[in-house]
Protein backbone atom coordinates (compact mmCIF):
# COMPACT_ATOMS: atom_id res chain seq x y z
CA MET A 1 21.60 -0.81 -2.85
CA ASN A 2 23.57 -3.34 -0.85
CA ALA A 3 24.05 -7.06 -1.51
CA LYS A 4 23.13 -7.83 2.11
CA MET A 5 19.49 -7.29 1.13
CA VAL A 6 19.43 -10.78 -0.43
CA LEU A 7 20.35 -12.61 2.80
CA PRO A 8 16.93 -12.28 4.52
CA GLY A 9 15.29 -13.68 1.38
CA LEU A 10 17.51 -16.77 1.45
CA ALA A 11 16.85 -17.38 5.15
CA ALA A 12 13.11 -16.77 4.71
CA GLY A 13 12.98 -19.20 1.79
CA VAL A 14 14.34 -22.03 3.92
CA LEU A 15 12.08 -21.16 6.88
CA ALA A 16 9.00 -20.81 4.66
CA SER A 17 9.75 -24.22 3.11
CA LEU A 18 9.74 -25.80 6.57
CA LEU A 19 6.48 -24.07 7.47
CA LEU A 20 4.81 -25.03 4.17
CA TRP A 21 5.88 -28.68 4.33
CA PHE A 22 2.94 -29.69 6.53
CA PRO A 23 0.18 -27.93 4.52
CA LEU A 24 1.57 -28.87 1.10
CA ALA A 25 3.16 -32.28 1.72
CA VAL A 26 0.96 -33.65 4.51
CA TYR A 27 -2.43 -31.95 4.45
CA LEU A 28 -2.84 -31.55 0.66
CA PRO A 29 -2.49 -35.29 -0.18
CA SER A 30 -4.84 -36.17 2.70
CA SER A 31 -7.59 -34.13 1.06
CA PHE A 32 -8.04 -36.61 -1.80
CA LEU A 33 -5.94 -39.77 -1.20
CA VAL A 34 -7.89 -42.50 0.59
CA ASP A 35 -4.83 -44.29 2.02
CA TRP A 36 -3.13 -41.09 3.26
CA PRO A 37 -3.30 -40.27 7.03
CA ARG A 38 -5.74 -37.49 7.88
CA ALA A 39 -4.27 -34.05 8.72
CA ASN A 40 -5.61 -31.03 10.59
CA ALA A 41 -6.87 -28.35 8.18
CA GLY A 42 -6.72 -25.54 10.76
CA LEU A 43 -3.09 -26.28 11.52
CA ALA A 44 -2.27 -26.35 7.81
CA TRP A 45 -3.81 -22.94 7.11
CA GLY A 46 -2.21 -21.52 10.23
CA MET A 47 1.22 -22.56 8.98
CA VAL A 48 0.48 -21.00 5.58
CA PHE A 49 -0.33 -17.75 7.40
CA LEU A 50 2.96 -17.96 9.35
CA ALA A 51 4.87 -18.50 6.10
CA GLY A 52 3.30 -15.31 4.75
CA LEU A 53 4.42 -13.42 7.85
CA VAL A 54 7.95 -14.75 7.33
CA LEU A 55 8.01 -13.35 3.80
CA CYS A 56 6.78 -9.96 5.08
CA ALA A 57 9.50 -9.98 7.75
CA ALA A 58 12.12 -10.85 5.11
CA GLY A 59 10.99 -7.89 3.00
CA ALA A 60 11.26 -5.59 6.00
CA ALA A 61 14.74 -6.85 6.90
CA SER A 62 15.94 -6.50 3.32
CA ALA A 63 14.67 -2.93 3.13
CA ARG A 64 16.56 -2.00 6.28
CA LEU A 65 19.77 -3.54 4.88
CA SER A 66 19.36 -2.35 1.30
CA GLY A 67 21.04 1.06 1.48
CA THR A 68 18.21 2.64 -0.51
CA THR A 69 17.07 6.14 0.41
CA SER A 70 13.36 6.11 -0.41
CA ARG A 71 10.33 4.16 0.74
CA TRP A 72 9.61 3.08 -2.84
CA GLY A 73 13.17 1.77 -3.06
CA ALA A 74 12.55 -0.13 0.18
CA LEU A 75 9.39 -1.58 -1.39
CA ALA A 76 11.38 -2.79 -4.42
CA CYS A 77 14.09 -4.35 -2.24
CA GLY A 78 11.46 -6.08 -0.13
CA ALA A 79 9.83 -7.44 -3.28
CA VAL A 80 13.16 -8.90 -4.45
CA SER A 81 13.66 -10.57 -1.08
CA GLY A 82 10.14 -12.03 -1.10
CA LEU A 83 10.65 -13.24 -4.66
CA VAL A 84 13.87 -15.06 -3.72
CA ALA A 85 12.17 -16.65 -0.71
CA ALA A 86 9.18 -17.77 -2.77
CA LEU A 87 11.44 -19.30 -5.41
CA LEU A 88 13.35 -21.31 -2.81
CA ALA A 89 10.12 -22.52 -1.22
CA TYR A 90 8.81 -23.55 -4.63
CA ILE A 91 11.98 -25.51 -5.39
CA LEU A 92 11.82 -27.41 -2.09
CA VAL A 93 8.10 -28.12 -1.73
CA GLY A 94 5.85 -25.96 -3.93
CA GLY A 95 6.70 -27.66 -7.22
CA ALA A 96 6.01 -31.08 -5.72
CA ALA A 97 2.57 -29.95 -4.50
CA ALA A 98 1.76 -28.52 -7.93
CA GLY A 99 2.70 -31.84 -9.52
CA ILE A 100 0.34 -33.65 -7.17
CA LEU A 101 -2.53 -31.35 -8.12
CA GLY A 102 -1.78 -31.80 -11.81
CA ALA A 103 -1.69 -35.58 -11.55
CA ARG A 104 -5.13 -35.75 -9.92
CA PRO A 105 -6.75 -37.60 -12.88
CA LEU A 106 -4.38 -40.56 -12.43
CA LEU A 107 -4.20 -40.33 -8.64
CA ASP A 108 -7.99 -40.34 -8.36
CA PHE A 109 -8.18 -43.34 -10.69
CA GLY A 110 -5.79 -45.20 -8.37
CA LEU A 111 -3.89 -48.43 -8.95
CA ASN A 112 -6.50 -49.81 -11.27
CA ARG A 113 -6.24 -51.18 -14.79
CA ALA A 114 -7.81 -49.10 -17.54
CA SER A 115 -10.65 -50.64 -19.50
CA GLY A 116 -8.86 -50.02 -22.79
CA ASP A 117 -6.33 -47.98 -24.70
CA ALA A 118 -8.67 -45.05 -25.05
CA GLN A 119 -9.20 -44.69 -21.30
CA SER A 120 -5.52 -45.10 -20.42
CA THR A 121 -4.51 -42.58 -23.07
CA GLN A 122 -7.15 -40.10 -21.88
CA LEU A 123 -5.99 -40.37 -18.27
CA LEU A 124 -2.32 -39.92 -19.23
CA LEU A 125 -3.13 -37.04 -21.58
CA ASP A 126 -5.20 -35.22 -18.95
CA SER A 127 -2.53 -35.73 -16.31
CA VAL A 128 0.35 -34.60 -18.53
CA THR A 129 -1.35 -31.40 -19.65
CA SER A 130 -2.62 -30.70 -16.14
CA VAL A 131 0.82 -31.23 -14.56
CA HIS A 132 2.44 -28.75 -16.93
CA TRP A 133 -0.33 -26.23 -16.34
CA MET A 134 -0.42 -26.57 -12.56
CA THR A 135 3.34 -26.33 -12.11
CA MET A 136 3.52 -23.13 -14.16
CA VAL A 137 0.46 -21.56 -12.51
CA ALA A 138 1.80 -22.44 -9.06
CA LEU A 139 5.23 -21.00 -9.89
CA TRP A 140 3.82 -17.68 -11.06
CA ALA A 141 1.35 -17.55 -8.15
CA SER A 142 4.10 -18.20 -5.60
CA MET A 143 6.46 -15.61 -7.14
CA ILE A 144 3.73 -12.95 -7.32
CA ALA A 145 2.61 -13.68 -3.74
CA GLY A 146 6.21 -13.68 -2.50
CA ALA A 147 7.01 -10.39 -4.22
CA ALA A 148 3.79 -8.79 -2.93
CA LEU A 149 4.34 -9.90 0.69
CA GLY A 150 7.99 -8.88 0.61
CA ALA A 151 7.08 -5.52 -0.91
CA LEU A 152 4.52 -4.95 1.84
CA GLY A 153 7.13 -5.64 4.52
CA GLY A 154 9.69 -3.42 2.80
CA PHE A 155 7.26 -0.53 2.38
CA VAL A 156 6.21 -0.66 6.05
CA ALA A 157 9.80 -0.94 7.33
CA GLY A 158 11.18 1.84 5.13
CA PRO A 159 14.74 2.40 3.88
CA GLY A 160 17.94 1.84 5.84
CA GLY A 161 21.53 0.61 5.63
CA LEU A 162 24.49 1.82 3.60
CA PRO A 163 24.61 1.64 -0.21
CA ASP A 164 27.23 -0.42 -2.04
CA PRO A 165 28.63 1.36 -5.14
CA GLU A 166 29.56 -1.97 -6.73
CA MET A 167 25.92 -3.10 -6.94
CA THR A 168 25.73 -1.49 -10.40
CA LEU A 169 28.32 -3.96 -11.69
CA ILE A 170 26.77 -6.86 -9.77
CA TYR A 171 23.33 -6.36 -11.25
CA GLN A 172 24.77 -6.19 -14.75
CA VAL A 173 26.37 -9.61 -14.27
CA VAL A 174 23.05 -10.93 -12.92
CA ALA A 175 21.12 -9.46 -15.87
CA VAL A 176 23.45 -11.04 -18.43
CA SER A 177 23.05 -14.37 -16.59
CA GLY A 178 19.29 -14.01 -16.96
CA VAL A 179 19.48 -13.34 -20.69
CA LEU A 180 21.84 -16.25 -21.35
CA THR A 181 19.70 -18.56 -19.21
CA SER A 182 16.55 -17.48 -21.01
CA GLY A 183 18.03 -18.26 -24.41
CA LEU A 184 19.29 -21.67 -23.30
CA CYS A 185 16.01 -22.55 -21.59
CA LEU A 186 13.96 -21.48 -24.59
CA VAL A 187 15.86 -23.81 -26.90
CA SER A 188 15.92 -26.76 -24.48
CA CYS A 189 12.28 -26.25 -23.46
CA THR A 190 11.19 -26.16 -27.09
CA ALA A 191 13.19 -29.28 -27.96
CA ILE A 192 11.70 -31.26 -25.06
CA LEU A 193 8.11 -30.05 -25.05
CA ILE A 194 7.63 -30.16 -28.81
CA MET A 195 8.12 -33.94 -28.67
CA LEU A 196 5.56 -34.18 -25.85
CA VAL A 197 3.07 -32.05 -27.76
CA GLN A 198 3.53 -33.99 -31.00
CA SER A 199 3.13 -37.41 -29.36
CA SER A 200 0.07 -36.20 -27.45
CA ALA A 201 -1.45 -34.79 -30.66
CA GLN A 202 -0.99 -38.15 -32.39
CA ALA A 203 -2.73 -39.93 -29.50
CA MET A 204 -5.59 -37.43 -29.61
CA ALA A 205 -6.07 -37.91 -33.35
CA ARG A 206 -5.90 -41.70 -33.08
CA ASP A 207 -8.47 -42.06 -30.30
CA ASN A 208 -10.46 -38.84 -30.88
CA LEU A 209 -9.59 -37.48 -27.41
CA VAL A 210 -9.79 -33.99 -25.87
CA PRO A 211 -7.18 -33.03 -23.22
CA ALA A 212 -7.97 -31.27 -19.95
CA TYR A 213 -6.12 -28.15 -21.17
CA PRO A 214 -5.40 -26.93 -24.72
CA LEU A 215 -2.38 -28.83 -25.97
CA ASP A 216 -0.60 -25.82 -27.47
CA THR A 217 -0.55 -24.09 -24.08
CA VAL A 218 1.70 -26.84 -22.69
CA LEU A 219 4.46 -25.31 -24.83
CA ALA A 220 3.22 -21.72 -25.06
CA PHE A 221 2.89 -21.15 -21.30
CA PRO A 222 6.55 -21.83 -20.36
CA VAL A 223 7.85 -20.21 -23.56
CA ILE A 224 6.05 -16.93 -22.87
CA SER A 225 7.22 -17.11 -19.24
CA ILE A 226 10.85 -17.45 -20.31
CA PHE A 227 10.52 -14.55 -22.72
CA LEU A 228 9.21 -12.45 -19.84
CA LEU A 229 12.29 -13.44 -17.83
CA MET A 230 14.45 -12.33 -20.76
CA PHE A 231 12.67 -8.97 -20.96
CA ALA A 232 13.05 -8.49 -17.21
CA SER A 233 16.78 -9.22 -17.41
CA GLN A 234 17.23 -6.77 -20.29
CA TRP A 235 15.33 -4.05 -18.42
CA LEU A 236 17.41 -4.71 -15.28
CA TRP A 237 20.61 -4.31 -17.28
CA TRP A 238 19.39 -1.07 -18.92
CA HIS A 239 18.21 0.40 -15.61
CA PHE A 240 21.53 -0.10 -13.85
CA TYR A 241 23.49 0.86 -16.97
CA ARG A 242 21.86 4.28 -16.90
CA ARG A 243 22.48 4.66 -13.17
CA GLY A 244 26.09 3.55 -13.51
CA LEU A 245 26.65 5.83 -16.48
CA ALA A 246 25.41 8.83 -14.54
CA ALA A 247 27.56 7.98 -11.52
CA GLY A 248 30.69 6.97 -13.47
CA GLN A 249 30.64 3.38 -12.19
CA LEU A 250 30.75 1.34 -15.41
CA MET A 251 33.53 -0.72 -16.91
CA ASP A 252 34.10 -0.34 -20.65
CA PHE A 253 34.89 -3.97 -21.53
CA GLN A 254 32.07 -5.42 -19.41
CA VAL A 255 29.46 -3.02 -20.75
CA ARG A 256 30.32 -3.56 -24.42
CA LEU A 257 30.46 -7.35 -24.07
CA SER A 258 27.26 -7.69 -22.06
CA ALA A 259 25.36 -5.31 -24.37
CA ALA A 260 26.40 -7.45 -27.34
CA VAL A 261 25.19 -10.57 -25.49
CA LEU A 262 21.82 -8.91 -24.79
CA CYS A 263 21.41 -8.33 -28.53
CA ALA A 264 22.82 -11.63 -29.84
CA VAL A 265 20.88 -14.07 -27.61
CA PRO A 266 17.36 -13.22 -28.89
CA LEU A 267 18.51 -13.45 -32.51
CA LEU A 268 20.27 -16.78 -31.98
CA THR A 269 17.25 -18.09 -30.09
CA LEU A 270 15.02 -17.07 -32.98
CA VAL A 271 17.08 -19.09 -35.46
CA LEU A 272 17.31 -22.21 -33.28
CA THR A 273 13.62 -22.25 -32.34
CA PHE A 274 12.66 -21.85 -36.01
CA VAL A 275 14.64 -25.02 -36.74
CA LEU A 276 12.86 -26.85 -33.89
CA GLN A 277 9.33 -25.42 -34.32
CA PRO A 278 8.72 -23.82 -37.73
CA GLY A 279 4.91 -24.00 -37.45
CA ALA A 280 2.17 -21.55 -36.49
CA LEU A 281 3.36 -21.34 -32.88
CA PHE A 282 6.68 -19.96 -34.08
CA PHE A 283 5.07 -17.07 -35.96
CA SER A 284 2.54 -16.31 -33.20
CA ILE A 285 4.91 -16.42 -30.19
CA TYR A 286 8.61 -16.94 -30.95
CA LEU A 287 8.93 -14.47 -33.81
CA PRO A 288 7.24 -11.41 -32.23
CA PHE A 289 8.76 -11.92 -28.78
CA SER A 290 12.26 -12.51 -30.17
CA LEU A 291 12.10 -9.49 -32.47
CA VAL A 292 10.89 -7.19 -29.70
CA SER A 293 13.67 -8.45 -27.42
CA ALA A 294 16.30 -8.07 -30.16
CA LEU A 295 15.15 -4.55 -31.09
CA TYR A 296 15.18 -3.47 -27.46
CA ALA A 297 18.67 -4.90 -27.00
CA GLY A 298 19.78 -3.27 -30.26
CA GLY A 299 18.71 0.11 -28.92
CA ILE A 300 20.73 -0.57 -25.78
CA LEU A 301 23.78 -1.56 -27.84
CA ARG A 302 23.52 1.61 -29.95
CA HIS A 303 23.34 3.76 -26.82
CA VAL A 304 26.39 2.02 -25.34
CA TRP A 305 28.48 2.64 -28.46
CA LYS A 306 27.43 6.30 -28.62
CA ASN A 307 28.40 6.87 -24.97
CA SER A 308 31.52 4.70 -24.84
CA THR A 309 33.72 7.71 -24.01
CA ARG A 310 31.78 8.20 -20.75
CA LEU A 311 32.51 4.69 -19.45
CA TRP A 312 34.71 4.69 -16.38
CA LYS A 313 37.17 1.90 -15.69
CA ASN A 314 35.99 0.24 -12.51
CA GLN A 315 36.99 -2.98 -10.77
CA LEU A 316 34.99 -5.70 -9.05
CA SER A 317 36.00 -6.78 -5.54
CA ARG A 318 36.15 -10.40 -4.47
CA HIS A 319 33.03 -10.00 -2.32
CA SER A 320 31.10 -8.54 -5.25
CA ALA A 321 32.28 -11.32 -7.56
CA TRP A 322 30.86 -13.89 -5.10
CA VAL A 323 27.59 -11.98 -4.82
CA SER A 324 27.20 -11.54 -8.59
CA ALA A 325 27.92 -15.23 -9.20
CA GLY A 326 25.46 -16.32 -6.52
CA LEU A 327 22.67 -14.02 -7.69
CA GLY A 328 23.32 -15.05 -11.29
CA LEU A 329 22.90 -18.69 -10.35
CA LEU A 330 19.63 -17.94 -8.57
CA VAL A 331 18.42 -16.38 -11.81
CA ILE A 332 19.56 -19.49 -13.67
CA SER A 333 17.64 -21.69 -11.22
CA ALA A 334 14.50 -19.62 -11.81
CA GLY A 335 14.95 -19.99 -15.56
CA VAL A 336 15.39 -23.74 -15.31
CA TYR A 337 12.16 -24.07 -13.30
CA LEU A 338 10.35 -21.81 -15.73
CA SER A 339 11.45 -24.11 -18.55
CA ALA A 340 9.44 -27.02 -17.17
CA LEU A 341 11.89 -28.78 -14.84
CA ALA A 342 9.23 -28.89 -12.12
CA ALA A 343 6.72 -30.41 -14.54
CA GLY A 344 9.29 -32.80 -16.01
CA LEU A 345 10.19 -34.12 -12.57
CA ALA A 346 6.52 -34.74 -11.81
CA ASP A 347 6.21 -36.62 -15.11
CA VAL A 348 9.06 -38.91 -14.00
CA THR A 349 8.11 -39.43 -10.35
CA LEU A 350 4.35 -39.75 -10.81
CA LEU A 351 3.09 -40.31 -14.34
CA THR A 352 5.68 -42.76 -15.62
CA GLN A 353 5.28 -44.83 -12.45
CA MET A 354 1.57 -45.20 -13.17
CA ILE A 355 1.85 -46.37 -16.78
CA VAL A 356 2.47 -50.07 -16.02
CA PRO A 357 -0.42 -50.57 -13.53
CA LEU A 358 -2.70 -48.46 -15.72
CA ILE A 359 -2.12 -50.59 -18.84
CA LEU A 360 -1.13 -54.03 -17.49
CA GLY A 361 -2.45 -53.99 -13.94
CA VAL A 362 -0.85 -53.50 -10.52
CA ASP A 363 0.40 -57.12 -10.50
CA HIS A 364 3.03 -56.11 -13.06
CA ALA A 365 4.35 -53.30 -10.82
CA PRO A 366 5.51 -55.07 -7.64
CA ASN A 367 7.40 -52.03 -6.34
CA LEU A 368 4.28 -49.87 -6.43
CA THR A 369 2.33 -51.03 -3.38
CA SER A 370 0.18 -47.97 -2.63
CA MET A 371 -0.65 -44.47 -3.82
CA ALA A 372 0.60 -43.08 -0.50
CA LYS A 373 4.05 -44.55 -1.12
CA LEU A 374 4.13 -43.12 -4.64
CA VAL A 375 3.23 -39.62 -3.44
CA SER A 376 5.71 -39.79 -0.56
CA GLU A 377 8.53 -40.70 -2.94
CA HIS A 378 7.44 -37.85 -5.22
CA TYR A 379 7.83 -35.28 -2.43
CA ALA A 380 11.13 -36.84 -1.37
CA ALA A 381 12.52 -36.51 -4.91
CA TYR A 382 11.75 -32.78 -4.99
CA ARG A 383 13.13 -32.24 -1.49
CA ASN A 384 16.35 -34.11 -2.20
CA LEU A 385 16.89 -32.38 -5.53
CA GLY A 386 16.23 -28.98 -3.93
CA LEU A 387 18.63 -29.63 -1.06
CA LEU A 388 21.28 -30.86 -3.50
CA LEU A 389 20.82 -27.72 -5.55
CA LEU A 390 20.90 -25.29 -2.61
CA LEU A 391 23.54 -26.95 -0.42
CA VAL A 392 25.96 -28.40 -2.96
CA ILE A 393 25.52 -27.31 -6.57
CA LEU A 394 24.84 -23.58 -6.11
CA PRO A 395 27.63 -22.96 -3.53
CA LEU A 396 30.12 -24.95 -5.62
CA LEU A 397 29.23 -23.18 -8.86
CA THR A 398 29.25 -19.82 -7.07
CA ALA A 399 32.82 -20.45 -5.88
CA LEU A 400 33.95 -21.59 -9.32
CA LEU A 401 32.26 -18.73 -11.18
CA SER A 402 33.41 -16.05 -8.74
CA GLY A 403 36.96 -17.35 -9.11
CA PHE A 404 36.57 -16.97 -12.88
CA VAL A 405 34.62 -13.68 -12.94
CA LEU A 406 36.97 -11.79 -10.63
CA PRO A 407 40.23 -12.25 -12.60
CA LEU A 408 38.44 -11.70 -15.93
CA LEU A 409 36.86 -8.41 -14.92
CA ARG A 410 40.00 -7.16 -13.21
CA PHE A 411 42.03 -7.98 -16.31
CA ALA A 412 39.49 -6.16 -18.45
CA SER A 413 39.58 -3.19 -16.07
CA ARG A 414 43.39 -2.92 -16.21
CA ARG A 415 43.36 -3.29 -20.00
CA SER A 416 40.72 -0.59 -20.43
CA LYS A 417 42.55 1.71 -18.04
CA ASN A 418 45.82 1.33 -19.93
CA LEU A 419 44.11 2.01 -23.27
CA GLN A 420 42.23 5.14 -22.22
CA PRO A 421 44.17 8.39 -22.83
CA GLY A 422 44.86 10.58 -19.86
CA ILE A 423 44.61 7.85 -17.22
CA SER A 424 47.77 6.72 -15.54
């Protein structure tokens, strides 16, 4: 494969975000907000169709640049490109639209004062659980649709381009980034959401309320999603480890270190999540998923140690260090969104803004003049955060990490080369 295959996905993500802005940020609110200007439904669906064509075209372009030699390889490269594009579109506009759908109970109620504590608590509880559900469902739906459309374009276009032998090393760096991100997100997600679940459970018990969605799923849904990301990262590492081992393109120090990380992160996550959530949810979700991940990584580690004499001492070029850092950060961004950032932002921009008028009346919230203004600011917050992430934070971190990764791996390569007998 070739790192150029990612570029069409990045461009398609930005273009798809622009195309989806009208249907998701203009037409969608007009379908249920009274004070929102009306929007043309035909135009909205037409732009959604164009966004789908963009993702197919990105998959086709990625397949032609990928350097793969088979049509199934072209399909896989197209799927990766569509997945990247869908993730970018979700960061810029999709997550905001999902938050709007989740907050419908409060938005439909409007800037009115609740009749009592029970009604205000019920509205907040329904909106909180719905926001967390909708943002996760929308994220998975967008990633599956993006991967499917990109795969379709890649399969139709077929293989092309020249392979890059360093992609084996690049994907290993990306896979380790995914495992580390998954562990961090699992701990932080558990710490944040367990407080939300506990406070909501207390309110339910006090007022005898029933939420719109089962309360345990508010935590279980993102946790299972992050575990799936961890499994995918481990499989990605194992797949390219086997390919690199067969082709003699692996670096001893990098392989041993990253294999140890793959094994240590699930075990450490298991301990930390037990401290945070030692109840039934831990034994039904955290324990089995963590053990399966740790056992799988342990098998990988055992294989690495048995075949350590076959590891070749390779180096990573500056271009590949940039690519591996950038792709690793995209994986980190996906993990952060999977760990409820999209839902948390909707909680801040929508739900917390509605608490004062809901309990005390709109007279006590002078800055909140209309529901249309509240929704507009919600979309603006997502857009600004996404642009800050894509234009400033990710490029800056990519430069910093690539400047750190390159010297480290080259030092490890020289050290391994000097230690191996028979290599001068």
